Amino acid sequence: MNKFWLIFFHTYLNKLKSKSFIITTIITAVIVLGLTNIQTIIDMFDKGDDDRIIAVIDETGELYPLYEQQFQVFSNKLAIEQFGGSVEEAKEKVSDGEYAGLLEISYDEEQLPQGVFSAMSITDSEAYSQLEQALQQLKVSLATSKLGLTAEQVNQLYVPVMFEKIALEEDAKSEEELSQARGLVYILLFVIYFAVIMYASMIAMEVATEKSSRVMEILISSVSPIKLMFGKILGIALLSITQFAFILTVGYLSLRLNPANSNEGIFSVFGLSNIPISTFIYAIVFFVLGYLLFATLAAFLGSLVSRIEDVQQMITPMTLVIVIAFMIAMFGLGKPEASFITVTSFIPFFAPMIMFLRVGMLNVPIWEVALSIGLLVTTIVLLAVFGARVYRGGVLMYGKSSSFKDIKKALQLTKNEK
């Protein structure tokens, strides 16, 4: 057992002190800081846009006051100013940077307002969207006046229809709970996806690196393959927990320092105050099981290659399985009750994402969850036993390896070792 802990802590500390891990963690933390303060950053860069002015030429001579009144409702960091000169003069001022754009207002054949917007570039969709919405509202106002409708009647037309949704199933989630659950599941699916791909690849790379230095021949002769394999798997698992804990702490503190969130709890800060605690428990369970499943698979696949450059080729099928599971889960966010989602939630290689999707958004019978977890655990155990045999022989194989036929060779070497 001492050898297991020696491998466990050696793997953890060796990776923890590596430059690649430190740089990746710092970069990810910086990205999290940026995302949690994105509005502040956008506002900081948009300060120079507060004085943007759009020149308006009113060819009708009567629409500008009405348009200005409507525009005040939609405007955001944008102003309009009536221009008394010609269109050519206005365009020159736009070219000189005095105005951000030019809007020409006129009547169409029905004597309703229409507009033409000119600017140096039309990439600023927010600007011309505000101008268009104000003009559209003015058109509606004038059109309804011609039809003899009062302001109250027009407002009545725009009142949203009452449409209440009632779930008849007992203990079914409300619309608000579903919305929050969907957001949580969406975030955690990405976490599971990237974590499994990144750390499983790290395990395969770790094994291939040691093989390339011939250190493995010494290790395998003194430590059982199960201890060696799981020492590396759990060592990198602890590494992932360390990295995630640091990044989550940075994200939480960044949000907590925001004055708008300073008096809220941890779940309220992330907008998850109404999510049942069982959802978070399931998230941890399926994350851990998914990690162990793919990490075990990656460990013995990594043992089949002798060169680091062959690792990605060998683990590509495993990566594709993870990608397929992720794509199915993305589809399931919109239709979690689909039969296809139900069936795939029991397939061990898909279950960590898809069964978690179901328990997060639906009231899944406990026996279904237990069956899915049981199948997952059974698959992990079988994969560990089989993987240990492949691992023991695979780490003694050298030369170019890029085919799954090498598994048979690895098993044969294991028999010969016995």
Protein backbone atom coordinates (compact mmCIF):
# COMPACT_ATOMS: atom_id res chain seq x y z
CA MET A 1 0.00 0.00 0.00
CA ASN A 2 2.93 2.32 0.64
CA LYS A 3 3.94 1.92 -3.01
CA PHE A 4 0.45 3.00 -4.12
CA TRP A 5 0.64 6.20 -2.06
CA LEU A 6 4.16 6.81 -3.32
CA ILE A 7 2.95 6.66 -6.94
CA PHE A 8 -0.18 8.65 -6.05
CA PHE A 9 1.68 11.58 -4.49
CA HIS A 10 4.52 11.45 -7.00
CA THR A 11 2.03 11.78 -9.88
CA TYR A 12 0.15 14.57 -8.10
CA LEU A 13 3.17 16.64 -7.03
CA ASN A 14 5.03 16.13 -10.27
CA LYS A 15 2.11 17.47 -12.31
CA LEU A 16 1.28 20.16 -9.75
CA LYS A 17 4.75 21.69 -10.08
CA SER A 18 4.90 21.44 -13.87
CA LYS A 19 5.03 24.68 -15.83
CA SER A 20 2.23 23.59 -18.17
CA PHE A 21 -0.16 23.00 -15.26
CA ILE A 22 0.69 26.32 -13.57
CA ILE A 23 0.36 28.29 -16.82
CA THR A 24 -2.93 26.56 -17.74
CA THR A 25 -4.38 27.23 -14.29
CA ILE A 26 -3.38 30.89 -14.35
CA ILE A 27 -4.77 31.42 -17.86
CA THR A 28 -8.05 29.71 -16.94
CA ALA A 29 -8.34 31.80 -13.76
CA VAL A 30 -7.77 34.97 -15.80
CA ILE A 31 -10.50 33.89 -18.24
CA VAL A 32 -12.87 33.25 -15.31
CA LEU A 33 -12.07 36.70 -13.90
CA GLY A 34 -12.84 38.19 -17.30
CA LEU A 35 -16.14 36.33 -17.67
CA THR A 36 -17.34 37.21 -14.17
CA ASN A 37 -16.58 40.88 -14.81
CA ILE A 38 -17.55 40.96 -18.47
CA GLN A 39 -20.09 43.75 -18.09
CA THR A 40 -17.59 45.98 -16.28
CA ILE A 41 -15.02 45.34 -19.01
CA ILE A 42 -17.54 46.08 -21.77
CA ASP A 43 -18.63 49.29 -20.04
CA MET A 44 -15.00 50.34 -19.66
CA PHE A 45 -14.32 49.96 -23.38
CA ASP A 46 -17.67 51.51 -24.33
CA LYS A 47 -17.02 54.76 -22.47
CA GLY A 48 -15.81 56.37 -25.65
CA ASP A 49 -19.05 55.40 -27.41
CA ASP A 50 -21.32 57.35 -25.05
CA ASP A 51 -21.13 60.46 -27.24
CA ARG A 52 -22.05 58.79 -30.54
CA ILE A 53 -24.50 60.97 -32.47
CA ILE A 54 -26.59 60.00 -35.47
CA ALA A 55 -27.51 62.80 -37.86
CA VAL A 56 -31.18 62.69 -38.93
CA ILE A 57 -32.48 64.36 -42.09
CA ASP A 58 -36.28 64.65 -42.04
CA GLU A 59 -37.39 64.97 -45.65
CA THR A 60 -41.03 65.26 -44.54
CA GLY A 61 -40.43 68.24 -42.29
CA GLU A 62 -42.78 66.86 -39.65
CA LEU A 63 -41.67 63.41 -38.50
CA TYR A 64 -38.52 64.25 -36.52
CA PRO A 65 -40.21 65.41 -33.25
CA LEU A 66 -42.35 62.25 -33.19
CA TYR A 67 -39.37 60.08 -34.07
CA GLU A 68 -37.21 61.66 -31.37
CA GLN A 69 -39.91 60.90 -28.80
CA GLN A 70 -40.00 57.23 -29.84
CA PHE A 71 -36.21 56.97 -30.03
CA GLN A 72 -35.79 57.97 -26.39
CA VAL A 73 -37.53 54.72 -25.42
CA PHE A 74 -35.08 52.51 -27.35
CA SER A 75 -31.82 54.49 -27.20
CA ASN A 76 -28.84 53.14 -25.29
CA LYS A 77 -25.54 55.10 -25.38
CA LEU A 78 -26.69 56.66 -28.65
CA ALA A 79 -28.11 60.09 -29.51
CA ILE A 80 -29.77 61.63 -32.55
CA GLU A 81 -29.60 65.17 -33.86
CA GLN A 82 -31.61 66.77 -36.64
CA PHE A 83 -29.39 67.91 -39.50
CA GLY A 84 -30.45 70.91 -41.54
CA GLY A 85 -28.05 70.57 -44.45
CA SER A 86 -28.02 68.35 -47.52
CA VAL A 87 -27.46 64.59 -47.60
CA GLU A 88 -24.01 65.09 -49.19
CA GLU A 89 -22.97 67.46 -46.39
CA ALA A 90 -24.17 65.03 -43.75
CA LYS A 91 -22.26 62.16 -45.34
CA GLU A 92 -19.10 64.27 -45.38
CA LYS A 93 -19.48 64.89 -41.65
CA VAL A 94 -19.94 61.14 -41.13
CA SER A 95 -16.71 60.56 -43.09
CA ASP A 96 -14.93 63.15 -40.92
CA GLY A 97 -16.09 61.38 -37.75
CA GLU A 98 -18.35 64.19 -36.53
CA TYR A 99 -21.37 61.88 -36.76
CA ALA A 100 -21.50 58.10 -36.27
CA GLY A 101 -24.10 57.72 -39.03
CA LEU A 102 -26.87 59.32 -41.05
CA LEU A 103 -30.58 58.46 -41.02
CA GLU A 104 -32.85 59.81 -43.76
CA ILE A 105 -36.56 59.75 -42.90
CA SER A 106 -39.24 60.02 -45.57
CA TYR A 107 -42.76 58.85 -46.44
CA ASP A 108 -43.48 55.73 -48.48
CA GLU A 109 -46.37 55.32 -50.92
CA GLU A 110 -48.79 54.78 -48.04
CA GLN A 111 -47.63 57.97 -46.35
CA LEU A 112 -45.98 55.99 -43.61
CA PRO A 113 -42.40 56.55 -42.40
CA GLN A 114 -39.42 54.78 -43.94
CA GLY A 115 -35.70 55.27 -43.43
CA VAL A 116 -32.28 54.88 -45.00
CA PHE A 117 -29.28 54.51 -42.70
CA SER A 118 -25.73 55.30 -43.84
CA ALA A 119 -22.48 54.83 -41.91
CA MET A 120 -18.83 54.14 -42.55
CA SER A 121 -19.61 50.50 -41.69
CA ILE A 122 -22.84 48.74 -40.76
CA THR A 123 -21.31 46.22 -38.36
CA ASP A 124 -22.76 47.95 -35.27
CA SER A 125 -26.05 46.06 -35.20
CA GLU A 126 -27.02 47.57 -31.83
CA ALA A 127 -27.00 51.10 -33.24
CA TYR A 128 -29.14 50.58 -36.32
CA SER A 129 -31.40 48.18 -34.41
CA GLN A 130 -32.33 51.01 -32.02
CA LEU A 131 -32.94 53.37 -34.95
CA GLU A 132 -35.06 50.77 -36.75
CA GLN A 133 -37.14 49.89 -33.68
CA ALA A 134 -37.94 53.54 -33.03
CA LEU A 135 -38.96 54.03 -36.67
CA GLN A 136 -41.05 50.87 -36.61
CA GLN A 137 -42.87 52.04 -33.50
CA LEU A 138 -43.50 55.43 -35.13
CA LYS A 139 -44.92 53.67 -38.19
CA VAL A 140 -47.26 51.58 -36.02
CA SER A 141 -48.39 54.69 -34.16
CA LEU A 142 -49.19 56.62 -37.36
CA ALA A 143 -50.83 53.61 -39.04
CA THR A 144 -53.15 52.96 -36.10
CA SER A 145 -54.05 56.68 -35.95
CA LYS A 146 -55.13 56.50 -39.60
CA LEU A 147 -57.31 53.51 -38.73
CA GLY A 148 -58.93 55.48 -35.93
CA LEU A 149 -57.56 53.37 -33.08
CA THR A 150 -56.96 55.04 -29.74
CA ALA A 151 -53.72 54.69 -27.76
CA GLU A 152 -55.48 52.38 -25.30
CA GLN A 153 -56.67 50.11 -28.12
CA VAL A 154 -53.18 49.97 -29.60
CA ASN A 155 -51.68 49.07 -26.21
CA GLN A 156 -54.28 46.35 -25.84
CA LEU A 157 -53.08 44.76 -29.09
CA TYR A 158 -49.56 44.49 -27.70
CA VAL A 159 -50.52 43.01 -24.33
CA PRO A 160 -48.98 39.49 -24.22
CA VAL A 161 -51.49 36.67 -24.35
CA MET A 162 -52.02 34.89 -21.05
CA PHE A 163 -50.56 31.42 -21.40
CA GLU A 164 -50.12 29.46 -18.20
CA LYS A 165 -48.27 26.14 -18.11
CA ILE A 166 -49.31 23.57 -15.49
CA ALA A 167 -47.47 20.30 -14.86
CA LEU A 168 -49.86 17.59 -13.69
CA GLU A 169 -47.11 15.24 -12.53
CA GLU A 170 -46.64 15.26 -8.78
CA ASP A 171 -43.52 17.19 -7.65
CA ALA A 172 -42.86 18.31 -11.24
CA LYS A 173 -40.48 21.24 -11.60
CA SER A 174 -41.92 24.69 -12.19
CA GLU A 175 -40.92 26.76 -15.21
CA GLU A 176 -38.49 28.79 -13.09
CA GLU A 177 -36.96 25.64 -11.57
CA LEU A 178 -36.61 24.10 -15.04
CA SER A 179 -34.88 27.21 -16.32
CA GLN A 180 -32.39 27.20 -13.45
CA ALA A 181 -31.86 23.44 -13.73
CA ARG A 182 -31.23 23.75 -17.47
CA GLY A 183 -28.61 26.43 -16.81
CA LEU A 184 -26.86 24.34 -14.14
CA VAL A 185 -26.92 21.20 -16.28
CA TYR A 186 -25.58 23.15 -19.26
CA ILE A 187 -22.64 24.47 -17.23
CA LEU A 188 -21.81 21.14 -15.60
CA LEU A 189 -22.03 19.26 -18.89
CA PHE A 190 -19.27 21.51 -20.21
CA VAL A 191 -17.27 20.94 -17.01
CA ILE A 192 -17.60 17.15 -17.32
CA TYR A 193 -16.80 17.26 -21.04
CA PHE A 194 -13.64 19.35 -20.79
CA ALA A 195 -12.43 17.73 -17.56
CA VAL A 196 -12.73 14.19 -18.89
CA ILE A 197 -11.02 15.05 -22.18
CA MET A 198 -8.24 17.07 -20.56
CA TYR A 199 -7.40 14.84 -17.59
CA ALA A 200 -7.91 11.52 -19.37
CA SER A 201 -5.48 12.70 -22.05
CA MET A 202 -3.07 13.75 -19.28
CA ILE A 203 -3.13 10.21 -17.85
CA ALA A 204 -2.43 8.64 -21.24
CA MET A 205 0.37 11.13 -21.82
CA GLU A 206 1.86 10.43 -18.37
CA VAL A 207 2.04 6.69 -19.06
CA ALA A 208 3.51 7.19 -22.54
CA THR A 209 6.11 9.64 -21.17
CA GLU A 210 7.32 7.16 -18.56
CA LYS A 211 7.46 4.40 -21.16
CA SER A 212 9.57 6.53 -23.46
CA SER A 213 12.10 6.95 -20.63
CA ARG A 214 12.06 3.22 -19.78
CA VAL A 215 11.13 4.05 -16.17
CA MET A 216 8.10 1.80 -16.53
CA GLU A 217 10.16 -1.37 -16.71
CA ILE A 218 11.44 -0.71 -13.20
CA LEU A 219 8.03 0.30 -11.82
CA ILE A 220 6.10 -2.62 -13.25
CA SER A 221 8.51 -5.14 -11.74
CA SER A 222 8.04 -3.79 -8.22
CA VAL A 223 4.42 -2.57 -8.16
CA SER A 224 1.24 -4.38 -9.19
CA PRO A 225 -0.38 -2.97 -12.34
CA ILE A 226 -3.62 -2.16 -10.47
CA LYS A 227 -1.74 -0.04 -7.91
CA LEU A 228 0.35 1.60 -10.60
CA MET A 229 -2.61 2.41 -12.84
CA PHE A 230 -4.92 3.69 -10.11
CA GLY A 231 -2.10 5.55 -8.40
CA LYS A 232 -1.77 7.62 -11.56
CA ILE A 233 -5.54 7.91 -12.10
CA LEU A 234 -6.26 9.11 -8.57
CA GLY A 235 -3.16 11.30 -8.48
CA ILE A 236 -4.38 13.22 -11.52
CA ALA A 237 -7.91 13.19 -10.04
CA LEU A 238 -6.56 15.03 -7.00
CA LEU A 239 -4.77 17.39 -9.39
CA SER A 240 -8.06 18.15 -11.17
CA ILE A 241 -9.80 18.79 -7.83
CA THR A 242 -7.00 21.19 -6.88
CA GLN A 243 -7.30 23.05 -10.17
CA PHE A 244 -11.10 23.23 -10.09
CA ALA A 245 -11.13 24.34 -6.46
CA PHE A 246 -8.74 27.18 -7.26
CA ILE A 247 -10.67 28.29 -10.35
CA LEU A 248 -14.07 28.10 -8.59
CA THR A 249 -12.69 30.07 -5.63
CA VAL A 250 -11.42 32.76 -7.99
CA GLY A 251 -14.78 32.87 -9.78
CA TYR A 252 -16.78 33.00 -6.56
CA LEU A 253 -14.64 35.73 -4.98
CA SER A 254 -14.80 37.74 -8.20
CA LEU A 255 -18.60 37.56 -8.20
CA ARG A 256 -18.81 38.18 -4.45
CA LEU A 257 -16.75 41.36 -4.75
CA ASN A 258 -19.33 42.68 -7.18
CA PRO A 259 -21.50 45.10 -5.10
CA ALA A 260 -24.66 43.66 -6.64
CA ASN A 261 -23.89 40.20 -5.21
CA SER A 262 -22.10 41.13 -1.96
CA ASN A 263 -24.97 40.15 0.36
CA GLU A 264 -25.88 36.88 -1.31
CA GLY A 265 -24.87 33.32 -0.51
CA ILE A 266 -22.78 31.10 -2.72
CA PHE A 267 -25.75 29.55 -4.56
CA SER A 268 -27.52 32.91 -4.91
CA VAL A 269 -24.39 34.45 -6.46
CA PHE A 270 -24.47 31.82 -9.20
CA GLY A 271 -28.26 32.07 -9.55
CA LEU A 272 -28.80 28.54 -8.24
CA SER A 273 -30.60 29.17 -4.96
CA ASN A 274 -33.69 27.15 -5.94
CA ILE A 275 -31.83 24.09 -7.23
CA PRO A 276 -32.32 21.00 -5.00
CA ILE A 277 -29.17 19.88 -3.18
CA SER A 278 -29.68 16.40 -4.69
CA THR A 279 -28.86 17.82 -8.13
CA PHE A 280 -25.44 18.93 -6.89
CA ILE A 281 -24.88 15.51 -5.27
CA TYR A 282 -25.74 13.77 -8.55
CA ALA A 283 -23.39 16.14 -10.38
CA ILE A 284 -20.50 15.08 -8.14
CA VAL A 285 -21.39 11.37 -8.37
CA PHE A 286 -21.63 11.28 -12.16
CA PHE A 287 -18.58 13.49 -12.56
CA VAL A 288 -16.47 11.14 -10.41
CA LEU A 289 -17.80 8.00 -12.11
CA GLY A 290 -17.35 9.50 -15.57
CA TYR A 291 -13.80 10.48 -14.71
CA LEU A 292 -12.92 7.02 -13.38
CA LEU A 293 -14.46 5.34 -16.42
CA PHE A 294 -12.60 7.33 -19.05
CA ALA A 295 -9.43 7.69 -16.98
CA THR A 296 -9.14 3.91 -16.67
CA LEU A 297 -9.73 3.59 -20.41
CA ALA A 298 -7.12 6.26 -21.13
CA ALA A 299 -4.54 4.63 -18.84
CA PHE A 300 -4.44 1.32 -20.62
CA LEU A 301 -4.69 2.95 -24.07
CA GLY A 302 -1.72 5.09 -23.12
CA SER A 303 0.18 1.96 -22.10
CA LEU A 304 -0.05 0.67 -25.68
CA VAL A 305 2.02 3.48 -27.18
CA SER A 306 5.73 4.06 -26.83
CA ARG A 307 5.94 7.51 -28.34
CA ILE A 308 4.20 10.60 -27.03
CA GLU A 309 3.18 11.63 -30.55
CA ASP A 310 1.11 8.41 -30.88
CA VAL A 311 -1.03 9.13 -27.81
CA GLN A 312 -3.64 11.34 -29.49
CA GLN A 313 -4.14 8.84 -32.30
CA MET A 314 -4.69 6.00 -29.83
CA ILE A 315 -7.20 7.86 -27.63
CA THR A 316 -9.11 9.46 -30.53
CA PRO A 317 -11.93 6.83 -30.44
CA MET A 318 -12.38 7.51 -26.72
CA THR A 319 -12.51 11.26 -27.39
CA LEU A 320 -15.15 10.71 -30.10
CA VAL A 321 -17.31 8.77 -27.62
CA ILE A 322 -17.14 11.72 -25.21
CA VAL A 323 -18.02 14.15 -28.01
CA ILE A 324 -21.02 12.00 -29.05
CA ALA A 325 -22.24 11.86 -25.44
CA PHE A 326 -21.91 15.64 -25.20
CA MET A 327 -23.85 16.23 -28.44
CA ILE A 328 -26.63 13.89 -27.29
CA ALA A 329 -26.80 15.78 -23.99
CA MET A 330 -27.05 19.12 -25.82
CA PHE A 331 -30.00 17.74 -27.78
CA GLY A 332 -31.52 16.45 -24.54
CA LEU A 333 -31.54 19.92 -22.95
CA GLY A 334 -34.50 20.76 -25.18
CA LYS A 335 -36.21 17.35 -25.01
CA PRO A 336 -35.11 15.54 -21.83
CA GLU A 337 -38.09 13.17 -21.97
CA ALA A 338 -37.28 11.82 -25.44
CA SER A 339 -37.02 8.01 -25.64
CA PHE A 340 -33.59 8.32 -27.25
CA ILE A 341 -32.32 10.25 -24.21
CA THR A 342 -33.84 7.70 -21.81
CA VAL A 343 -32.20 4.75 -23.58
CA THR A 344 -28.75 6.33 -23.88
CA SER A 345 -28.79 7.33 -20.20
CA PHE A 346 -28.26 3.64 -19.37
CA ILE A 347 -25.27 3.18 -21.70
CA PRO A 348 -22.22 3.43 -19.37
CA PHE A 349 -20.08 5.56 -21.69
CA PHE A 350 -22.94 8.06 -22.14
CA ALA A 351 -24.51 7.87 -18.67
CA PRO A 352 -22.26 10.38 -16.82
CA MET A 353 -23.64 13.19 -18.98
CA ILE A 354 -27.07 11.98 -20.06
CA MET A 355 -28.36 10.45 -16.83
CA PHE A 356 -27.17 13.57 -15.01
CA LEU A 357 -29.10 15.62 -17.58
CA ARG A 358 -32.25 13.63 -16.78
CA VAL A 359 -31.95 13.80 -12.97
CA GLY A 360 -31.24 17.52 -13.22
CA MET A 361 -34.34 18.33 -15.27
CA LEU A 362 -36.83 15.53 -14.56
CA ASN A 363 -38.17 13.52 -11.66
CA VAL A 364 -36.44 10.27 -12.57
CA PRO A 365 -37.42 7.14 -10.59
CA ILE A 366 -34.72 6.22 -8.10
CA TRP A 367 -34.44 2.70 -9.56
CA GLU A 368 -33.44 4.14 -12.95
CA VAL A 369 -30.72 6.27 -11.36
CA ALA A 370 -29.53 3.29 -9.29
CA LEU A 371 -29.48 1.05 -12.39
CA SER A 372 -27.46 3.60 -14.37
CA ILE A 373 -24.97 4.07 -11.52
CA GLY A 374 -24.76 0.29 -11.03
CA LEU A 375 -23.99 -0.25 -14.73
CA LEU A 376 -21.38 2.49 -14.56
CA VAL A 377 -19.66 1.01 -11.50
CA THR A 378 -19.75 -2.49 -13.01
CA THR A 379 -18.22 -1.20 -16.25
CA ILE A 380 -15.50 0.63 -14.31
CA VAL A 381 -14.64 -2.53 -12.33
CA LEU A 382 -14.55 -4.72 -15.47
CA LEU A 383 -12.54 -2.11 -17.32
CA ALA A 384 -10.15 -1.84 -14.37
CA VAL A 385 -9.58 -5.61 -14.25
CA PHE A 386 -9.18 -5.91 -18.00
CA GLY A 387 -7.26 -2.64 -18.17
CA ALA A 388 -4.79 -3.80 -15.51
CA ARG A 389 -3.97 -6.88 -17.58
CA VAL A 390 -3.53 -4.81 -20.74
CA TYR A 391 -1.60 -2.20 -18.75
CA ARG A 392 0.89 -4.73 -17.38
CA GLY A 393 1.72 -6.06 -20.82
CA GLY A 394 1.28 -2.77 -22.66
CA VAL A 395 3.91 -0.92 -20.66
CA LEU A 396 6.46 -3.50 -21.73
CA MET A 397 5.71 -2.99 -25.43
CA TYR A 398 7.99 -0.69 -27.41
CA GLY A 399 8.09 0.42 -31.00
CA LYS A 400 5.39 2.09 -33.08
CA SER A 401 1.90 1.33 -31.78
CA SER A 402 -1.18 2.76 -33.41
CA SER A 403 -3.60 -0.13 -33.65
CA PHE A 404 -6.01 -1.75 -31.20
CA LYS A 405 -4.55 -5.09 -32.28
CA ASP A 406 -1.78 -4.25 -29.81
CA ILE A 407 -4.22 -5.07 -26.99
CA LYS A 408 -3.89 -8.74 -27.91
CA LYS A 409 -0.11 -8.45 -27.83
CA ALA A 410 -0.28 -6.74 -24.44
CA LEU A 411 -2.45 -9.55 -23.00
CA GLN A 412 -0.01 -12.12 -24.35
CA LEU A 413 2.91 -10.34 -22.67
CA THR A 414 0.96 -10.33 -19.41
CA LYS A 415 0.50 -14.12 -19.63
CA ASN A 416 4.20 -14.58 -20.35
CA GLU A 417 5.07 -12.45 -17.28
CA LYS A 418 3.11 -14.82 -15.12
